[in-house]
N, C-alpha and C. Protein backbone atom coordinates (compact mmCIF):
# COMPACT_ATOMS: atom_id res chain seq x y z
N MET A 1 14.76 13.25 7.91
CA MET A 1 13.85 12.60 8.96
C MET A 1 12.38 12.36 8.48
N MET A 2 11.88 11.24 8.74
CA MET A 2 10.59 10.90 8.28
C MET A 2 9.75 10.72 9.56
N SER A 3 8.39 11.01 9.39
CA SER A 3 7.46 10.86 10.50
C SER A 3 6.15 10.24 9.97
N VAL A 4 5.42 9.55 10.75
CA VAL A 4 4.47 8.72 10.19
C VAL A 4 3.11 9.07 11.11
N ARG A 5 1.95 9.07 10.47
CA ARG A 5 0.81 9.38 11.24
C ARG A 5 -0.38 8.72 10.45
N PRO A 6 -1.51 8.74 11.25
CA PRO A 6 -2.74 8.22 10.58
C PRO A 6 -3.04 9.19 9.42
N ALA A 7 -3.59 8.78 8.24
CA ALA A 7 -4.02 9.53 7.13
C ALA A 7 -5.31 10.22 7.50
N LYS A 8 -5.60 11.45 6.87
CA LYS A 8 -6.78 12.06 7.06
C LYS A 8 -7.39 12.38 5.64
N PRO A 9 -8.72 12.53 5.58
CA PRO A 9 -9.17 12.87 4.25
C PRO A 9 -8.61 14.03 3.50
N ALA A 10 -8.11 15.02 4.34
CA ALA A 10 -7.42 16.14 3.67
C ALA A 10 -5.96 15.75 2.96
N ASP A 11 -5.45 14.40 3.18
CA ASP A 11 -4.39 13.98 2.52
C ASP A 11 -4.76 13.33 1.28
N ALA A 12 -5.91 13.21 0.83
CA ALA A 12 -6.39 12.46 -0.43
C ALA A 12 -5.54 12.87 -1.52
N GLY A 13 -5.34 14.17 -1.78
CA GLY A 13 -4.63 14.65 -2.96
C GLY A 13 -3.23 14.14 -3.02
N ALA A 14 -2.54 14.16 -1.94
CA ALA A 14 -1.18 13.79 -2.09
C ALA A 14 -1.25 12.28 -2.19
N ILE A 15 -2.10 11.45 -1.58
CA ILE A 15 -2.15 10.15 -1.81
C ILE A 15 -2.31 9.65 -3.08
N ALA A 16 -3.33 10.35 -3.68
CA ALA A 16 -3.64 10.22 -5.12
C ALA A 16 -2.46 10.45 -6.10
N CYS A 17 -1.77 11.43 -5.76
CA CYS A 17 -0.58 11.75 -6.59
C CYS A 17 0.43 10.55 -6.46
N ILE A 18 0.71 10.12 -5.48
CA ILE A 18 1.68 8.86 -5.23
C ILE A 18 1.07 7.70 -5.85
N TYR A 19 -0.19 7.40 -5.64
CA TYR A 19 -0.79 6.18 -6.27
C TYR A 19 -0.68 6.34 -7.84
N ASN A 20 -1.00 7.54 -8.23
CA ASN A 20 -0.93 7.71 -9.83
C ASN A 20 0.36 7.44 -10.32
N GLN A 21 1.41 7.78 -9.60
CA GLN A 21 2.80 7.46 -10.15
C GLN A 21 2.99 5.90 -10.09
N GLY A 22 2.40 5.15 -9.21
CA GLY A 22 2.37 3.85 -9.18
C GLY A 22 1.74 3.25 -10.36
N ILE A 23 0.52 3.77 -10.73
CA ILE A 23 -0.20 3.42 -11.96
C ILE A 23 0.65 3.68 -13.21
N ASP A 24 1.23 4.80 -13.18
CA ASP A 24 2.04 5.05 -14.40
C ASP A 24 3.30 4.20 -14.57
N ASP A 25 3.90 3.87 -13.45
CA ASP A 25 5.14 2.98 -13.52
C ASP A 25 4.83 1.59 -13.97
N ARG A 26 3.64 1.19 -13.94
CA ARG A 26 3.24 -0.28 -14.49
C ARG A 26 4.05 -1.38 -13.81
N LEU A 27 4.35 -1.22 -12.62
CA LEU A 27 5.03 -2.22 -11.89
C LEU A 27 4.29 -2.61 -10.54
N ALA A 28 3.21 -1.92 -10.14
CA ALA A 28 2.78 -2.09 -8.80
C ALA A 28 1.23 -2.23 -8.76
N THR A 29 0.46 -2.17 -9.94
CA THR A 29 -1.05 -2.36 -9.90
C THR A 29 -1.45 -2.67 -11.24
N PHE A 30 -2.60 -3.33 -11.42
CA PHE A 30 -3.28 -3.58 -12.57
C PHE A 30 -4.11 -2.25 -13.07
N GLU A 31 -4.31 -1.47 -12.14
CA GLU A 31 -5.03 -0.17 -12.48
C GLU A 31 -4.22 0.57 -13.62
N THR A 32 -5.12 1.06 -14.30
CA THR A 32 -4.53 2.10 -15.47
C THR A 32 -5.26 3.48 -15.55
N THR A 33 -6.24 3.71 -14.78
CA THR A 33 -6.92 5.00 -14.60
C THR A 33 -6.49 5.75 -13.45
N HIS A 34 -5.99 7.00 -13.62
CA HIS A 34 -5.68 7.84 -12.38
C HIS A 34 -6.79 7.97 -11.56
N ARG A 35 -6.40 8.15 -10.25
CA ARG A 35 -7.40 8.39 -9.22
C ARG A 35 -7.38 9.90 -8.79
N SER A 36 -8.56 10.38 -8.48
CA SER A 36 -8.67 11.79 -8.10
C SER A 36 -8.59 11.92 -6.59
N ALA A 37 -8.48 12.93 -5.97
CA ALA A 37 -8.55 13.20 -4.59
C ALA A 37 -9.98 12.67 -4.04
N ASP A 38 -11.06 13.03 -4.77
CA ASP A 38 -12.32 12.44 -4.38
C ASP A 38 -12.43 10.94 -4.30
N ASP A 39 -11.67 10.41 -5.32
CA ASP A 39 -11.76 8.86 -5.28
C ASP A 39 -11.07 8.26 -4.07
N VAL A 40 -9.88 8.99 -3.73
CA VAL A 40 -9.21 8.48 -2.42
C VAL A 40 -10.05 8.93 -1.21
N ARG A 41 -10.58 9.91 -1.17
CA ARG A 41 -11.42 10.22 0.05
C ARG A 41 -12.35 9.15 0.32
N ALA A 42 -12.93 8.46 -0.63
CA ALA A 42 -13.77 7.30 -0.49
C ALA A 42 -13.19 6.14 0.32
N TRP A 43 -11.92 6.03 0.27
CA TRP A 43 -11.23 5.04 1.14
C TRP A 43 -11.36 5.15 2.54
N PHE A 44 -11.79 6.39 3.10
CA PHE A 44 -11.87 6.75 4.46
C PHE A 44 -13.12 6.28 5.00
N THR A 45 -13.23 4.93 5.29
CA THR A 45 -14.53 4.45 5.68
C THR A 45 -14.68 4.46 7.29
N GLY A 46 -13.51 4.57 7.88
CA GLY A 46 -13.49 4.50 9.30
C GLY A 46 -13.17 3.08 9.90
N THR A 47 -13.14 2.19 8.98
CA THR A 47 -12.90 0.79 9.21
C THR A 47 -11.42 0.21 8.93
N HIS A 48 -11.00 0.71 7.78
CA HIS A 48 -9.63 0.30 7.35
C HIS A 48 -8.65 1.29 7.41
N PRO A 49 -7.64 1.05 8.31
CA PRO A 49 -6.70 2.13 8.54
C PRO A 49 -5.85 2.45 7.20
N ILE A 50 -5.33 3.84 7.21
CA ILE A 50 -4.41 4.25 6.30
C ILE A 50 -3.41 5.20 7.00
N VAL A 51 -2.29 5.00 6.68
CA VAL A 51 -1.13 5.86 7.26
C VAL A 51 -0.41 6.51 6.07
N VAL A 52 0.24 7.72 6.58
CA VAL A 52 1.07 8.41 5.73
C VAL A 52 2.39 8.67 6.32
N VAL A 53 3.43 8.86 5.49
CA VAL A 53 4.82 9.11 5.93
C VAL A 53 5.10 10.44 5.34
N GLU A 54 5.56 11.30 6.25
CA GLU A 54 5.86 12.75 5.82
C GLU A 54 7.46 12.82 5.92
N ASP A 55 7.95 13.65 5.01
CA ASP A 55 9.47 13.92 5.04
C ASP A 55 9.65 15.31 5.71
N ALA A 56 10.19 15.26 6.79
CA ALA A 56 10.41 16.38 7.47
C ALA A 56 11.75 17.33 7.21
N ASP A 57 12.53 16.73 6.16
CA ASP A 57 13.81 17.41 5.87
C ASP A 57 13.63 18.47 4.74
N GLY A 58 14.51 19.37 4.76
CA GLY A 58 14.52 20.40 3.77
C GLY A 58 13.23 21.17 3.56
N ASP A 59 13.38 21.75 2.38
CA ASP A 59 12.23 22.70 1.91
C ASP A 59 10.87 21.98 1.81
N ALA A 60 10.81 20.71 1.70
CA ALA A 60 9.69 19.97 1.44
C ALA A 60 9.14 19.43 2.90
N GLY A 61 9.54 20.10 3.97
CA GLY A 61 9.11 19.60 5.24
C GLY A 61 7.73 19.33 5.39
N GLY A 62 7.24 18.24 5.90
CA GLY A 62 5.89 17.88 6.08
C GLY A 62 5.09 17.32 4.79
N ARG A 63 5.85 17.25 3.77
CA ARG A 63 5.35 16.65 2.53
C ARG A 63 5.18 15.21 2.52
N ILE A 64 3.97 14.66 2.26
CA ILE A 64 3.64 13.13 2.16
C ILE A 64 4.52 12.53 1.12
N ILE A 65 5.30 11.57 1.49
CA ILE A 65 6.23 10.90 0.49
C ILE A 65 5.75 9.40 0.41
N ALA A 66 4.89 8.84 1.14
CA ALA A 66 4.50 7.40 1.14
C ALA A 66 3.14 7.26 1.91
N PHE A 67 2.49 6.13 1.57
CA PHE A 67 1.26 5.80 2.23
C PHE A 67 1.11 4.29 2.25
N ALA A 68 0.47 3.77 3.25
CA ALA A 68 0.07 2.38 3.32
C ALA A 68 -1.38 2.29 3.73
N SER A 69 -2.13 1.30 3.00
CA SER A 69 -3.61 1.39 3.35
C SER A 69 -4.08 -0.02 3.48
N THR A 70 -5.27 -0.06 3.98
CA THR A 70 -5.89 -1.40 4.08
C THR A 70 -7.34 -1.27 3.42
N SER A 71 -7.75 -2.38 2.97
CA SER A 71 -9.12 -2.40 2.36
C SER A 71 -9.67 -3.80 2.55
N VAL A 72 -11.02 -3.90 2.15
CA VAL A 72 -11.72 -5.19 2.39
C VAL A 72 -11.02 -6.30 1.64
N TYR A 73 -10.90 -7.43 2.34
CA TYR A 73 -10.30 -8.54 1.74
C TYR A 73 -11.56 -9.48 0.98
N ARG A 74 -12.47 -9.85 1.81
CA ARG A 74 -13.65 -10.54 1.36
C ARG A 74 -14.82 -10.04 2.22
N PRO A 75 -15.90 -10.06 1.72
CA PRO A 75 -17.13 -9.58 2.51
C PRO A 75 -17.62 -10.57 3.56
N ARG A 76 -17.25 -11.83 3.43
CA ARG A 76 -17.81 -12.90 4.39
C ARG A 76 -17.39 -12.66 5.72
N GLU A 77 -18.11 -12.87 6.75
CA GLU A 77 -17.91 -12.64 8.28
C GLU A 77 -16.64 -13.29 8.78
N CYS A 78 -16.34 -14.60 8.17
CA CYS A 78 -15.16 -15.28 8.64
C CYS A 78 -13.88 -14.61 8.47
N TYR A 79 -13.90 -13.72 7.22
CA TYR A 79 -12.61 -12.93 7.01
C TYR A 79 -12.62 -11.50 7.57
N ARG A 80 -13.43 -11.13 8.49
CA ARG A 80 -13.49 -9.79 8.87
C ARG A 80 -12.18 -9.20 9.65
N GLY A 81 -11.33 -10.16 9.91
CA GLY A 81 -9.96 -9.71 10.48
C GLY A 81 -8.78 -9.89 9.53
N VAL A 82 -9.17 -10.07 8.24
CA VAL A 82 -8.07 -10.22 7.22
C VAL A 82 -8.41 -8.86 6.43
N ALA A 83 -7.21 -8.15 6.15
CA ALA A 83 -7.37 -6.95 5.31
C ALA A 83 -6.41 -7.11 4.18
N GLU A 84 -6.73 -6.57 3.00
CA GLU A 84 -5.96 -6.36 1.85
C GLU A 84 -5.05 -5.07 2.11
N PHE A 85 -3.94 -5.02 1.74
CA PHE A 85 -3.13 -3.90 1.97
C PHE A 85 -2.31 -3.43 0.68
N SER A 86 -2.02 -2.13 0.76
CA SER A 86 -1.11 -1.64 -0.37
C SER A 86 -0.28 -0.79 0.38
N VAL A 87 0.96 -0.42 -0.28
CA VAL A 87 1.99 0.55 0.19
C VAL A 87 2.66 1.10 -1.21
N TYR A 88 2.70 2.39 -1.18
CA TYR A 88 3.28 3.23 -2.28
C TYR A 88 4.19 4.31 -1.61
N VAL A 89 5.28 4.54 -2.45
CA VAL A 89 6.16 5.55 -2.15
C VAL A 89 6.39 6.45 -3.41
N CYS A 90 6.50 7.69 -3.15
CA CYS A 90 6.63 8.54 -4.37
C CYS A 90 8.17 8.33 -4.84
N ARG A 91 8.27 8.51 -6.22
CA ARG A 91 9.52 8.18 -6.86
C ARG A 91 10.68 8.79 -6.24
N GLU A 92 10.65 9.97 -5.97
CA GLU A 92 11.84 10.66 -5.38
C GLU A 92 12.20 10.14 -4.00
N ALA A 93 11.38 9.64 -3.32
CA ALA A 93 11.64 9.07 -1.94
C ALA A 93 11.90 7.55 -1.80
N ARG A 94 11.88 6.85 -3.01
CA ARG A 94 12.15 5.46 -2.96
C ARG A 94 13.49 5.03 -2.49
N ARG A 95 13.62 3.88 -1.86
CA ARG A 95 14.92 3.32 -1.34
C ARG A 95 15.45 4.20 -0.26
N ARG A 96 14.69 4.95 0.58
CA ARG A 96 15.04 5.68 1.62
C ARG A 96 14.44 5.12 3.06
N GLY A 97 13.54 4.15 2.83
CA GLY A 97 13.08 3.46 4.00
C GLY A 97 11.62 3.93 4.44
N ALA A 98 11.04 4.77 3.55
CA ALA A 98 9.64 5.31 3.77
C ALA A 98 8.57 4.13 3.74
N GLY A 99 8.78 3.08 2.83
CA GLY A 99 7.98 2.04 2.87
C GLY A 99 7.90 1.20 3.97
N ARG A 100 9.17 1.00 4.68
CA ARG A 100 9.29 0.28 5.79
C ARG A 100 8.60 1.00 6.97
N VAL A 101 8.74 2.38 7.06
CA VAL A 101 8.13 3.11 8.16
C VAL A 101 6.63 3.04 8.02
N ALA A 102 6.14 3.10 6.67
CA ALA A 102 4.69 3.10 6.53
C ALA A 102 4.06 1.76 6.88
N MET A 103 4.74 0.56 6.54
CA MET A 103 4.30 -0.72 6.90
C MET A 103 4.28 -0.98 8.27
N HIS A 104 5.30 -0.64 9.16
CA HIS A 104 5.25 -0.69 10.51
C HIS A 104 4.18 -0.09 11.16
N ALA A 105 3.91 1.21 10.65
CA ALA A 105 2.84 1.96 11.29
C ALA A 105 1.41 1.24 10.82
N LEU A 106 1.41 0.72 9.72
CA LEU A 106 0.03 0.14 9.31
C LEU A 106 -0.19 -1.29 10.13
N PHE A 107 0.80 -1.91 10.40
CA PHE A 107 0.77 -3.06 11.40
C PHE A 107 0.06 -2.67 12.57
N ASP A 108 0.62 -1.72 13.29
CA ASP A 108 0.04 -1.21 14.53
C ASP A 108 -1.43 -0.73 14.35
N ALA A 109 -1.64 0.04 13.21
CA ALA A 109 -2.97 0.46 13.12
C ALA A 109 -3.95 -0.56 12.75
N ALA A 110 -3.57 -1.52 11.93
CA ALA A 110 -4.56 -2.72 11.69
C ALA A 110 -4.79 -3.52 12.85
N ARG A 111 -3.62 -3.76 13.57
CA ARG A 111 -3.88 -4.65 14.83
C ARG A 111 -5.09 -3.89 15.74
N THR A 112 -4.66 -2.60 15.99
CA THR A 112 -5.62 -1.81 16.76
C THR A 112 -7.04 -1.79 16.27
N ALA A 113 -7.14 -1.79 14.95
CA ALA A 113 -8.54 -1.83 14.32
C ALA A 113 -9.23 -3.26 14.26
N GLY A 114 -8.42 -4.27 14.86
CA GLY A 114 -8.95 -5.63 14.99
C GLY A 114 -8.60 -6.59 13.93
N PHE A 115 -7.69 -6.15 13.07
CA PHE A 115 -7.30 -7.13 12.07
C PHE A 115 -6.19 -8.04 12.54
N TRP A 116 -6.13 -9.33 12.09
CA TRP A 116 -5.13 -10.31 12.59
C TRP A 116 -4.25 -10.68 11.48
N LYS A 117 -4.62 -10.33 10.14
CA LYS A 117 -3.80 -10.72 9.06
C LYS A 117 -3.83 -9.64 7.87
N LEU A 118 -2.68 -9.45 7.11
CA LEU A 118 -2.68 -8.53 5.99
C LEU A 118 -2.23 -9.61 4.83
N VAL A 119 -2.90 -9.22 3.72
CA VAL A 119 -2.59 -9.87 2.44
C VAL A 119 -2.55 -9.02 1.24
N SER A 120 -1.83 -9.47 0.21
CA SER A 120 -1.85 -8.81 -0.91
C SER A 120 -1.32 -9.59 -2.08
N ARG A 121 -1.12 -9.18 -3.31
CA ARG A 121 -0.38 -9.62 -4.29
C ARG A 121 0.53 -8.72 -5.01
N VAL A 122 1.53 -9.23 -5.42
CA VAL A 122 2.79 -8.29 -5.89
C VAL A 122 3.24 -8.96 -7.17
N PHE A 123 3.37 -7.99 -8.32
CA PHE A 123 3.84 -8.53 -9.58
C PHE A 123 5.19 -9.27 -9.27
N VAL A 124 5.38 -10.40 -9.90
CA VAL A 124 6.58 -11.17 -9.90
C VAL A 124 7.81 -10.51 -9.97
N GLU A 125 7.76 -9.55 -10.98
CA GLU A 125 9.02 -8.74 -11.25
C GLU A 125 9.32 -7.59 -10.49
N ASN A 126 8.41 -7.26 -9.51
CA ASN A 126 8.53 -6.14 -8.57
C ASN A 126 9.53 -6.50 -7.52
N THR A 127 10.62 -6.55 -7.77
CA THR A 127 11.64 -7.01 -6.70
C THR A 127 11.85 -6.04 -5.66
N ALA A 128 11.56 -4.74 -5.86
CA ALA A 128 11.75 -3.95 -4.79
C ALA A 128 10.61 -4.00 -3.65
N SER A 129 9.34 -4.23 -4.04
CA SER A 129 8.36 -4.34 -3.25
C SER A 129 8.46 -5.73 -2.46
N ARG A 130 8.82 -6.82 -3.38
CA ARG A 130 9.02 -8.17 -2.63
C ARG A 130 9.97 -8.07 -1.59
N GLY A 131 11.07 -7.26 -1.89
CA GLY A 131 12.37 -7.21 -0.90
C GLY A 131 11.81 -6.53 0.35
N LEU A 132 10.98 -5.40 0.19
CA LEU A 132 10.50 -4.71 1.24
C LEU A 132 9.60 -5.65 2.23
N LEU A 133 8.66 -6.32 1.61
CA LEU A 133 7.72 -7.08 2.31
C LEU A 133 8.33 -8.36 2.87
N LYS A 134 9.35 -8.84 2.42
CA LYS A 134 10.15 -9.97 3.15
C LYS A 134 10.84 -9.41 4.38
N ALA A 135 11.36 -8.13 4.20
CA ALA A 135 12.13 -7.50 5.28
C ALA A 135 11.25 -7.15 6.49
N VAL A 136 9.80 -6.88 6.14
CA VAL A 136 8.93 -6.61 7.30
C VAL A 136 8.12 -7.74 7.73
N GLY A 137 8.51 -8.93 7.26
CA GLY A 137 7.95 -10.17 7.85
C GLY A 137 6.80 -10.78 6.99
N PHE A 138 6.65 -10.42 5.85
CA PHE A 138 5.71 -11.11 4.93
C PHE A 138 6.21 -12.42 4.44
N ARG A 139 5.37 -13.36 4.17
CA ARG A 139 5.90 -14.55 3.43
C ARG A 139 5.13 -14.54 2.14
N GLU A 140 5.82 -15.27 1.13
CA GLU A 140 5.23 -15.51 -0.14
C GLU A 140 4.66 -16.92 0.04
N VAL A 141 3.34 -17.00 -0.39
CA VAL A 141 2.63 -18.24 -0.18
C VAL A 141 2.23 -18.97 -1.53
N GLY A 142 2.58 -18.33 -2.59
CA GLY A 142 2.25 -18.94 -3.89
C GLY A 142 2.18 -17.89 -4.91
N THR A 143 1.98 -18.28 -6.12
CA THR A 143 2.02 -17.40 -7.34
C THR A 143 0.67 -17.73 -8.16
N TYR A 144 -0.04 -16.64 -8.36
CA TYR A 144 -1.13 -16.71 -9.26
C TYR A 144 -0.74 -16.35 -10.74
N GLU A 145 -0.81 -17.47 -11.53
CA GLU A 145 -0.33 -17.29 -12.96
C GLU A 145 -1.46 -16.62 -13.84
N LYS A 146 -1.03 -15.66 -14.62
CA LYS A 146 -2.07 -15.00 -15.60
C LYS A 146 -3.09 -14.40 -14.73
N HIS A 147 -2.67 -13.76 -13.60
CA HIS A 147 -3.85 -13.21 -12.73
C HIS A 147 -4.57 -11.96 -13.34
N GLY A 148 -4.00 -11.33 -14.25
CA GLY A 148 -4.77 -10.21 -14.94
C GLY A 148 -3.86 -9.59 -16.08
N GLN A 149 -4.45 -8.90 -16.91
CA GLN A 149 -3.76 -8.39 -18.14
C GLN A 149 -3.46 -6.87 -17.67
N LEU A 150 -2.37 -6.42 -18.06
CA LEU A 150 -1.98 -4.92 -17.95
C LEU A 150 -1.45 -4.65 -19.28
N ASP A 151 -2.00 -3.57 -19.89
CA ASP A 151 -1.71 -3.13 -21.24
C ASP A 151 -1.75 -4.44 -22.20
N GLY A 152 -2.55 -5.24 -22.13
CA GLY A 152 -2.62 -6.30 -23.00
C GLY A 152 -1.70 -7.50 -22.83
N VAL A 153 -0.93 -7.53 -21.69
CA VAL A 153 0.04 -8.51 -21.41
C VAL A 153 -0.34 -9.11 -20.08
N TRP A 154 -0.61 -10.56 -20.16
CA TRP A 154 -0.85 -11.30 -18.93
C TRP A 154 0.35 -11.15 -17.83
N ARG A 155 -0.05 -10.93 -16.55
CA ARG A 155 0.95 -10.64 -15.57
C ARG A 155 0.69 -11.70 -14.42
N ASP A 156 1.68 -12.23 -13.85
CA ASP A 156 1.58 -13.10 -12.70
C ASP A 156 1.87 -12.24 -11.45
N THR A 157 1.27 -12.78 -10.38
CA THR A 157 1.40 -12.13 -9.10
C THR A 157 1.76 -13.11 -7.92
N VAL A 158 2.61 -12.66 -7.13
CA VAL A 158 2.94 -13.38 -5.85
C VAL A 158 2.07 -12.96 -4.80
N ILE A 159 1.52 -14.00 -4.05
CA ILE A 159 0.55 -13.68 -2.95
C ILE A 159 1.39 -13.76 -1.67
N VAL A 160 1.20 -12.68 -0.92
CA VAL A 160 1.97 -12.47 0.22
C VAL A 160 0.92 -12.26 1.43
N GLU A 161 1.45 -12.75 2.63
CA GLU A 161 0.61 -12.62 3.87
C GLU A 161 1.48 -12.35 5.09
N ARG A 162 0.88 -11.72 6.06
CA ARG A 162 1.68 -11.49 7.41
C ARG A 162 0.58 -11.54 8.42
N LEU A 163 0.82 -12.38 9.50
CA LEU A 163 0.02 -12.45 10.55
C LEU A 163 0.47 -11.26 11.53
N LEU A 164 -0.57 -10.61 12.10
CA LEU A 164 -0.32 -9.52 12.93
C LEU A 164 -0.26 -10.03 14.50
């Protein structure tokens, strides 16, 4: 059984651990440097919602297994209602629906915070994330070719968006 709630700064260590798995997997982000709990605490600006999914089953009851977050898309006033988003699930909880739960909660939180659109980029070969995002209503609007290098290799990304 999973539950979802707004993230708190006290969750920063668990969020960093999950994000660092994504960094290590080299399939979800161009980032290569692990984040600390202090790095993640800086995300809590009060403007951009972050949600966590907890696993209420078994011995790990209440353990955070996924998160979804929003961040600044562009600083211009005309984009104040557009947010960049990320969603990450810990390795052992993948393919159990935690990402879907996190995204639905993020939609509600982002809408309540005044956002009207979420956008992101996904590595072309990240079929799991692309499938999740399509399933929760995102559309792929294009591809950035050679968008960045990861470990010295150029990577393409698919641009996704969802109106709230």
